[in-house]
Each structure stands twice: as structure tokens, then as C-alpha cells.
All heavy atoms as atom14 arrays in JSON, in Angstrom:
{
  "sequence": "DSRASWLGYYSRFQGGFVSILALTLLYWIATTISVD",
  "atom14_mask": [
    [1, 1, 1, 1, 1, 1, 1, 1, 0, 0, 0, 0, 0, 0],
    [1, 1, 1, 1, 1, 1, 0, 0, 0, 0, 0, 0, 0, 0],
    [1, 1, 1, 1, 1, 1, 1, 1, 1, 1, 1, 0, 0, 0],
    [1, 1, 1, 1, 1, 0, 0, 0, 0, 0, 0, 0, 0, 0],
    [1, 1, 1, 1, 1, 1, 0, 0, 0, 0, 0, 0, 0, 0],
    [1, 1, 1, 1, 1, 1, 1, 1, 1, 1, 1, 1, 1, 1],
    [1, 1, 1, 1, 1, 1, 1, 1, 0, 0, 0, 0, 0, 0],
    [1, 1, 1, 1, 0, 0, 0, 0, 0, 0, 0, 0, 0, 0],
    [1, 1, 1, 1, 1, 1, 1, 1, 1, 1, 1, 1, 0, 0],
    [1, 1, 1, 1, 1, 1, 1, 1, 1, 1, 1, 1, 0, 0],
    [1, 1, 1, 1, 1, 1, 0, 0, 0, 0, 0, 0, 0, 0],
    [1, 1, 1, 1, 1, 1, 1, 1, 1, 1, 1, 0, 0, 0],
    [1, 1, 1, 1, 1, 1, 1, 1, 1, 1, 1, 0, 0, 0],
    [1, 1, 1, 1, 1, 1, 1, 1, 1, 0, 0, 0, 0, 0],
    [1, 1, 1, 1, 0, 0, 0, 0, 0, 0, 0, 0, 0, 0],
    [1, 1, 1, 1, 0, 0, 0, 0, 0, 0, 0, 0, 0, 0],
    [1, 1, 1, 1, 1, 1, 1, 1, 1, 1, 1, 0, 0, 0],
    [1, 1, 1, 1, 1, 1, 1, 0, 0, 0, 0, 0, 0, 0],
    [1, 1, 1, 1, 1, 1, 0, 0, 0, 0, 0, 0, 0, 0],
    [1, 1, 1, 1, 1, 1, 1, 1, 0, 0, 0, 0, 0, 0],
    [1, 1, 1, 1, 1, 1, 1, 1, 0, 0, 0, 0, 0, 0],
    [1, 1, 1, 1, 1, 0, 0, 0, 0, 0, 0, 0, 0, 0],
    [1, 1, 1, 1, 1, 1, 1, 1, 0, 0, 0, 0, 0, 0],
    [1, 1, 1, 1, 1, 1, 1, 0, 0, 0, 0, 0, 0, 0],
    [1, 1, 1, 1, 1, 1, 1, 1, 0, 0, 0, 0, 0, 0],
    [1, 1, 1, 1, 1, 1, 1, 1, 0, 0, 0, 0, 0, 0],
    [1, 1, 1, 1, 1, 1, 1, 1, 1, 1, 1, 1, 0, 0],
    [1, 1, 1, 1, 1, 1, 1, 1, 1, 1, 1, 1, 1, 1],
    [1, 1, 1, 1, 1, 1, 1, 1, 0, 0, 0, 0, 0, 0],
    [1, 1, 1, 1, 1, 0, 0, 0, 0, 0, 0, 0, 0, 0],
    [1, 1, 1, 1, 1, 1, 1, 0, 0, 0, 0, 0, 0, 0],
    [1, 1, 1, 1, 1, 1, 1, 0, 0, 0, 0, 0, 0, 0],
    [1, 1, 1, 1, 1, 1, 1, 1, 0, 0, 0, 0, 0, 0],
    [1, 1, 1, 1, 1, 1, 0, 0, 0, 0, 0, 0, 0, 0],
    [1, 1, 1, 1, 1, 1, 1, 0, 0, 0, 0, 0, 0, 0],
    [1, 1, 1, 1, 1, 1, 1, 1, 0, 0, 0, 0, 0, 0]
  ],
  "atom14_positions": [
    [[-3.81, -23.79, -23.76], [-4.34, -22.63, -23.03], [-3.26, -22.16, -22.08], [-3.2, -22.56, -20.92], [-5.61, -23.02, -22.27], [-6.34, -21.81, -21.69], [-5.71, -20.74, -21.58], [-7.53, -21.92, -21.36], [0.0, 0.0, 0.0], [0.0, 0.0, 0.0], [0.0, 0.0, 0.0], [0.0, 0.0, 0.0], [0.0, 0.0, 0.0], [0.0, 0.0, 0.0]],
    [[-2.38, -21.31, -22.59], [-1.21, -20.92, -21.81], [-1.57, -20.13, -20.57], [-0.93, -20.28, -19.52], [-0.25, -20.1, -22.69], [-0.9, -18.96, -23.2], [0.0, 0.0, 0.0], [0.0, 0.0, 0.0], [0.0, 0.0, 0.0], [0.0, 0.0, 0.0], [0.0, 0.0, 0.0], [0.0, 0.0, 0.0], [0.0, 0.0, 0.0], [0.0, 0.0, 0.0]],
    [[-2.61, -19.29, -20.65], [-2.96, -18.48, -19.48], [-3.39, -19.36, -18.31], [-2.93, -19.18, -17.18], [-4.09, -17.51, -19.83], [-4.46, -16.59, -18.66], [-5.77, -15.86, -18.9], [-6.11, -15.01, -17.78], [-6.65, -15.43, -16.64], [-6.9, -16.72, -16.49], [-6.93, -14.6, -15.66], [0.0, 0.0, 0.0], [0.0, 0.0, 0.0], [0.0, 0.0, 0.0]],
    [[-4.3, -20.32, -18.58], [-4.76, -21.2, -17.51], [-3.63, -22.1, -17.02], [-3.56, -22.42, -15.83], [-5.93, -22.05, -18.01], [0.0, 0.0, 0.0], [0.0, 0.0, 0.0], [0.0, 0.0, 0.0], [0.0, 0.0, 0.0], [0.0, 0.0, 0.0], [0.0, 0.0, 0.0], [0.0, 0.0, 0.0], [0.0, 0.0, 0.0], [0.0, 0.0, 0.0]],
    [[-2.73, -22.5, -17.91], [-1.64, -23.38, -17.51], [-0.62, -22.65, -16.63], [-0.03, -23.25, -15.74], [-0.95, -23.95, -18.75], [-1.84, -24.76, -19.48], [0.0, 0.0, 0.0], [0.0, 0.0, 0.0], [0.0, 0.0, 0.0], [0.0, 0.0, 0.0], [0.0, 0.0, 0.0], [0.0, 0.0, 0.0], [0.0, 0.0, 0.0], [0.0, 0.0, 0.0]],
    [[-0.41, -21.37, -16.89], [0.53, -20.6, -16.06], [-0.1, -20.15, -14.76], [0.48, -20.32, -13.69], [1.04, -19.38, -16.84], [2.1, -19.69, -17.84], [1.96, -19.75, -19.2], [3.47, -20.01, -17.58], [3.15, -20.08, -19.8], [4.1, -20.24, -18.83], [4.23, -20.11, -16.41], [5.44, -20.57, -18.93], [5.58, -20.44, -16.52], [6.17, -20.66, -17.77]],
    [[-1.3, -19.57, -14.85], [-1.9, -18.91, -13.69], [-2.95, -19.74, -12.98], [-3.3, -19.45, -11.84], [-2.51, -17.56, -14.11], [-1.53, -16.56, -14.7], [-2.27, -15.29, -15.11], [-0.42, -16.23, -13.71], [0.0, 0.0, 0.0], [0.0, 0.0, 0.0], [0.0, 0.0, 0.0], [0.0, 0.0, 0.0], [0.0, 0.0, 0.0], [0.0, 0.0, 0.0]],
    [[-3.49, -20.76, -13.65], [-4.49, -21.58, -13.01], [-5.89, -21.28, -13.52], [-6.09, -20.49, -14.45], [0.0, 0.0, 0.0], [0.0, 0.0, 0.0], [0.0, 0.0, 0.0], [0.0, 0.0, 0.0], [0.0, 0.0, 0.0], [0.0, 0.0, 0.0], [0.0, 0.0, 0.0], [0.0, 0.0, 0.0], [0.0, 0.0, 0.0], [0.0, 0.0, 0.0]],
    [[-6.85, -21.88, -12.87], [-8.25, -21.77, -13.28], [-8.72, -20.33, -13.17], [-8.34, -19.59, -12.27], [-9.12, -22.68, -12.4], [-10.55, -22.77, -12.83], [-10.91, -23.49, -13.96], [-11.55, -22.13, -12.1], [-12.24, -23.57, -14.36], [-12.88, -22.21, -12.49], [-13.21, -22.92, -13.62], [-14.51, -23.0, -14.01], [0.0, 0.0, 0.0], [0.0, 0.0, 0.0]],
    [[-9.58, -19.92, -14.09], [-10.06, -18.54, -14.13], [-10.74, -18.16, -12.8], [-11.51, -18.93, -12.25], [-11.06, -18.36, -15.27], [-10.45, -18.58, -16.63], [-10.54, -19.79, -17.28], [-9.73, -17.56, -17.24], [-9.96, -19.98, -18.54], [-9.14, -17.74, -18.47], [-9.26, -18.95, -19.12], [-8.69, -19.14, -20.35], [0.0, 0.0, 0.0], [0.0, 0.0, 0.0]],
    [[-10.42, -16.98, -12.34], [-10.96, -16.35, -11.12], [-10.43, -16.97, -9.84], [-10.72, -16.49, -8.76], [-12.5, -16.39, -11.1], [-12.99, -17.68, -10.75], [0.0, 0.0, 0.0], [0.0, 0.0, 0.0], [0.0, 0.0, 0.0], [0.0, 0.0, 0.0], [0.0, 0.0, 0.0], [0.0, 0.0, 0.0], [0.0, 0.0, 0.0], [0.0, 0.0, 0.0]],
    [[-9.64, -18.06, -9.94], [-9.14, -18.71, -8.73], [-7.62, -18.68, -8.64], [-7.07, -18.79, -7.55], [-9.63, -20.16, -8.67], [-11.13, -20.27, -8.4], [-11.57, -21.72, -8.43], [-12.95, -21.89, -8.0], [-14.0, -21.74, -8.79], [-13.83, -21.43, -10.05], [-15.21, -21.92, -8.33], [0.0, 0.0, 0.0], [0.0, 0.0, 0.0], [0.0, 0.0, 0.0]],
    [[-6.92, -18.59, -9.76], [-5.46, -18.57, -9.78], [-4.88, -19.75, -9.0], [-3.99, -19.58, -8.17], [-4.93, -17.24, -9.24], [-5.3, -16.07, -10.1], [-6.33, -15.22, -9.73], [-4.64, -15.84, -11.3], [-6.69, -14.15, -10.55], [-4.99, -14.78, -12.11], [-6.02, -13.92, -11.73], [0.0, 0.0, 0.0], [0.0, 0.0, 0.0], [0.0, 0.0, 0.0]],
    [[-5.41, -20.93, -9.25], [-4.96, -22.13, -8.56], [-4.93, -23.27, -9.56], [-5.8, -23.4, -10.42], [-5.92, -22.47, -7.4], [-5.44, -23.57, -6.48], [-5.78, -24.96, -6.97], [-6.76, -25.12, -7.68], [-5.0, -25.94, -6.6], [0.0, 0.0, 0.0], [0.0, 0.0, 0.0], [0.0, 0.0, 0.0], [0.0, 0.0, 0.0], [0.0, 0.0, 0.0]],
    [[-3.88, -24.1, -9.44], [-3.76, -25.25, -10.32], [-2.83, -25.06, -11.49], [-2.56, -26.01, -12.22], [0.0, 0.0, 0.0], [0.0, 0.0, 0.0], [0.0, 0.0, 0.0], [0.0, 0.0, 0.0], [0.0, 0.0, 0.0], [0.0, 0.0, 0.0], [0.0, 0.0, 0.0], [0.0, 0.0, 0.0], [0.0, 0.0, 0.0], [0.0, 0.0, 0.0]],
    [[-2.32, -23.84, -11.66], [-1.38, -23.59, -12.74], [0.06, -23.8, -12.3], [0.34, -24.18, -11.16], [0.0, 0.0, 0.0], [0.0, 0.0, 0.0], [0.0, 0.0, 0.0], [0.0, 0.0, 0.0], [0.0, 0.0, 0.0], [0.0, 0.0, 0.0], [0.0, 0.0, 0.0], [0.0, 0.0, 0.0], [0.0, 0.0, 0.0], [0.0, 0.0, 0.0]],
    [[0.98, -23.53, -13.21], [2.4, -23.76, -12.91], [2.89, -22.87, -11.77], [3.72, -23.29, -10.97], [3.23, -23.51, -14.17], [4.7, -23.73, -13.95], [5.21, -25.02, -13.91], [5.57, -22.67, -13.78], [6.56, -25.25, -13.7], [6.92, -22.88, -13.58], [7.42, -24.16, -13.54], [0.0, 0.0, 0.0], [0.0, 0.0, 0.0], [0.0, 0.0, 0.0]],
    [[2.38, -21.64, -11.69], [2.83, -20.72, -10.64], [2.48, -21.26, -9.26], [3.32, -21.27, -8.35], [2.2, -19.33, -10.85], [2.53, -18.42, -9.68], [2.7, -18.71, -12.15], [0.0, 0.0, 0.0], [0.0, 0.0, 0.0], [0.0, 0.0, 0.0], [0.0, 0.0, 0.0], [0.0, 0.0, 0.0], [0.0, 0.0, 0.0], [0.0, 0.0, 0.0]],
    [[1.24, -21.74, -9.08], [0.86, -22.28, -7.77], [1.6, -23.58, -7.46], [1.98, -23.83, -6.32], [-0.66, -22.51, -7.72], [-1.06, -23.46, -8.68], [0.0, 0.0, 0.0], [0.0, 0.0, 0.0], [0.0, 0.0, 0.0], [0.0, 0.0, 0.0], [0.0, 0.0, 0.0], [0.0, 0.0, 0.0], [0.0, 0.0, 0.0], [0.0, 0.0, 0.0]],
    [[1.82, -24.41, -8.49], [2.58, -25.65, -8.29], [4.02, -25.33, -7.89], [4.6, -25.97, -7.0], [2.54, -26.52, -9.55], [1.12, -27.05, -9.77], [3.53, -27.68, -9.45], [0.94, -27.77, -11.08], [0.0, 0.0, 0.0], [0.0, 0.0, 0.0], [0.0, 0.0, 0.0], [0.0, 0.0, 0.0], [0.0, 0.0, 0.0], [0.0, 0.0, 0.0]],
    [[4.59, -24.32, -8.53], [5.96, -23.9, -8.18], [6.02, -23.42, -6.74], [6.96, -23.77, -6.0], [6.41, -22.79, -9.13], [7.78, -22.17, -8.85], [8.87, -23.23, -8.97], [8.04, -21.02, -9.79], [0.0, 0.0, 0.0], [0.0, 0.0, 0.0], [0.0, 0.0, 0.0], [0.0, 0.0, 0.0], [0.0, 0.0, 0.0], [0.0, 0.0, 0.0]],
    [[5.04, -22.65, -6.32], [5.02, -22.14, -4.94], [4.94, -23.29, -3.93], [5.66, -23.32, -2.93], [3.86, -21.17, -4.76], [0.0, 0.0, 0.0], [0.0, 0.0, 0.0], [0.0, 0.0, 0.0], [0.0, 0.0, 0.0], [0.0, 0.0, 0.0], [0.0, 0.0, 0.0], [0.0, 0.0, 0.0], [0.0, 0.0, 0.0], [0.0, 0.0, 0.0]],
    [[4.04, -24.25, -4.19], [3.9, -25.39, -3.28], [5.15, -26.25, -3.26], [5.55, -26.77, -2.21], [2.69, -26.22, -3.68], [1.32, -25.54, -3.53], [0.22, -26.4, -4.13], [1.03, -25.25, -2.06], [0.0, 0.0, 0.0], [0.0, 0.0, 0.0], [0.0, 0.0, 0.0], [0.0, 0.0, 0.0], [0.0, 0.0, 0.0], [0.0, 0.0, 0.0]],
    [[5.77, -26.42, -4.42], [7.0, -27.21, -4.49], [8.12, -26.57, -3.71], [8.86, -27.24, -2.97], [7.43, -27.4, -5.95], [6.34, -27.97, -6.69], [8.63, -28.32, -6.05], [0.0, 0.0, 0.0], [0.0, 0.0, 0.0], [0.0, 0.0, 0.0], [0.0, 0.0, 0.0], [0.0, 0.0, 0.0], [0.0, 0.0, 0.0], [0.0, 0.0, 0.0]],
    [[8.25, -25.25, -3.82], [9.28, -24.54, -3.07], [9.02, -24.6, -1.58], [9.96, -24.73, -0.78], [9.36, -23.09, -3.55], [9.9, -22.88, -4.97], [9.84, -21.4, -5.35], [11.32, -23.41, -5.09], [0.0, 0.0, 0.0], [0.0, 0.0, 0.0], [0.0, 0.0, 0.0], [0.0, 0.0, 0.0], [0.0, 0.0, 0.0], [0.0, 0.0, 0.0]],
    [[7.75, -24.53, -1.19], [7.43, -24.65, 0.23], [7.83, -26.02, 0.77], [8.36, -26.14, 1.88], [5.92, -24.42, 0.45], [5.44, -22.97, 0.38], [3.92, -22.91, 0.49], [6.07, -22.14, 1.5], [0.0, 0.0, 0.0], [0.0, 0.0, 0.0], [0.0, 0.0, 0.0], [0.0, 0.0, 0.0], [0.0, 0.0, 0.0], [0.0, 0.0, 0.0]],
    [[7.55, -27.07, -0.03], [7.95, -28.41, 0.4], [9.47, -28.52, 0.51], [10.0, -29.08, 1.46], [7.42, -29.45, -0.61], [7.95, -30.84, -0.35], [7.38, -31.64, 0.63], [9.02, -31.34, -1.08], [7.86, -32.91, 0.87], [9.51, -32.61, -0.84], [8.93, -33.39, 0.13], [9.42, -34.64, 0.38], [0.0, 0.0, 0.0], [0.0, 0.0, 0.0]],
    [[10.18, -27.97, -0.48], [11.64, -28.03, -0.46], [12.2, -27.3, 0.75], [13.12, -27.78, 1.42], [12.18, -27.42, -1.75], [13.68, -27.37, -1.78], [14.54, -28.41, -1.95], [14.49, -26.21, -1.61], [15.84, -27.98, -1.91], [15.84, -26.62, -1.7], [14.21, -24.86, -1.4], [16.9, -25.74, -1.58], [15.26, -23.97, -1.29], [16.59, -24.4, -1.37]],
    [[11.63, -26.15, 1.06], [12.08, -25.38, 2.24], [11.83, -26.17, 3.52], [12.68, -26.26, 4.4], [11.38, -24.02, 2.28], [11.86, -23.14, 1.11], [11.65, -23.31, 3.6], [11.06, -21.86, 0.96], [0.0, 0.0, 0.0], [0.0, 0.0, 0.0], [0.0, 0.0, 0.0], [0.0, 0.0, 0.0], [0.0, 0.0, 0.0], [0.0, 0.0, 0.0]],
    [[10.61, -26.77, 3.59], [10.24, -27.49, 4.82], [11.1, -28.72, 5.05], [11.29, -29.15, 6.19], [8.77, -27.88, 4.76], [0.0, 0.0, 0.0], [0.0, 0.0, 0.0], [0.0, 0.0, 0.0], [0.0, 0.0, 0.0], [0.0, 0.0, 0.0], [0.0, 0.0, 0.0], [0.0, 0.0, 0.0], [0.0, 0.0, 0.0], [0.0, 0.0, 0.0]],
    [[11.63, -29.32, 3.98], [12.42, -30.54, 4.13], [13.91, -30.28, 4.25], [14.68, -31.24, 4.44], [12.17, -31.48, 2.94], [12.41, -30.77, 1.71], [10.73, -31.99, 2.96], [0.0, 0.0, 0.0], [0.0, 0.0, 0.0], [0.0, 0.0, 0.0], [0.0, 0.0, 0.0], [0.0, 0.0, 0.0], [0.0, 0.0, 0.0], [0.0, 0.0, 0.0]],
    [[14.33, -29.04, 4.11], [15.76, -28.76, 4.17], [16.17, -27.89, 5.35], [17.36, -27.86, 5.69], [16.23, -28.06, 2.87], [15.43, -26.89, 2.65], [16.11, -29.0, 1.68], [0.0, 0.0, 0.0], [0.0, 0.0, 0.0], [0.0, 0.0, 0.0], [0.0, 0.0, 0.0], [0.0, 0.0, 0.0], [0.0, 0.0, 0.0], [0.0, 0.0, 0.0]],
    [[15.23, -27.23, 5.98], [15.6, -26.37, 7.1], [15.8, -27.2, 8.36], [15.33, -28.34, 8.48], [14.52, -25.28, 7.34], [13.17, -25.94, 7.66], [14.42, -24.36, 6.16], [12.09, -24.93, 7.97], [0.0, 0.0, 0.0], [0.0, 0.0, 0.0], [0.0, 0.0, 0.0], [0.0, 0.0, 0.0], [0.0, 0.0, 0.0], [0.0, 0.0, 0.0]],
    [[16.46, -26.61, 9.33], [16.78, -27.3, 10.58], [15.58, -27.31, 11.51], [14.58, -26.61, 11.3], [17.96, -26.6, 11.26], [17.6, -25.27, 11.61], [0.0, 0.0, 0.0], [0.0, 0.0, 0.0], [0.0, 0.0, 0.0], [0.0, 0.0, 0.0], [0.0, 0.0, 0.0], [0.0, 0.0, 0.0], [0.0, 0.0, 0.0], [0.0, 0.0, 0.0]],
    [[15.71, -28.09, 12.58], [14.64, -28.2, 13.57], [14.39, -26.86, 14.25], [13.25, -26.47, 14.52], [14.98, -29.29, 14.61], [13.92, -29.32, 15.71], [15.07, -30.65, 13.93], [0.0, 0.0, 0.0], [0.0, 0.0, 0.0], [0.0, 0.0, 0.0], [0.0, 0.0, 0.0], [0.0, 0.0, 0.0], [0.0, 0.0, 0.0], [0.0, 0.0, 0.0]],
    [[15.47, -26.13, 14.55], [15.32, -24.83, 15.21], [14.52, -23.87, 14.35], [13.68, -23.11, 14.85], [16.7, -24.25, 15.52], [17.44, -25.04, 16.6], [16.75, -25.69, 17.41], [18.68, -25.01, 16.6], [0.0, 0.0, 0.0], [0.0, 0.0, 0.0], [0.0, 0.0, 0.0], [0.0, 0.0, 0.0], [0.0, 0.0, 0.0], [0.0, 0.0, 0.0]]
  ]
}
């Protein structure tokens, strides 16, 4: 089910690769930026 795997559960757009990518990038940003 490529649509659900890319975009997530129907009507929620959560749990798919796009949302996982967004959360992963947020974690990467949070762990690499400076204290300031």
C-alpha cells in the first residue's frame, strides 16, 4: 500500500515515511545545533 506507506494513515497523514522523515530531521537538527 504505497499511499499509506508514503503519507501515513488515511485522513491523518501520520505514520508514513514523510512524517518519519520529518521527525528524523527534527531530531538531527536538535542534536547538531549549538546551545545558543
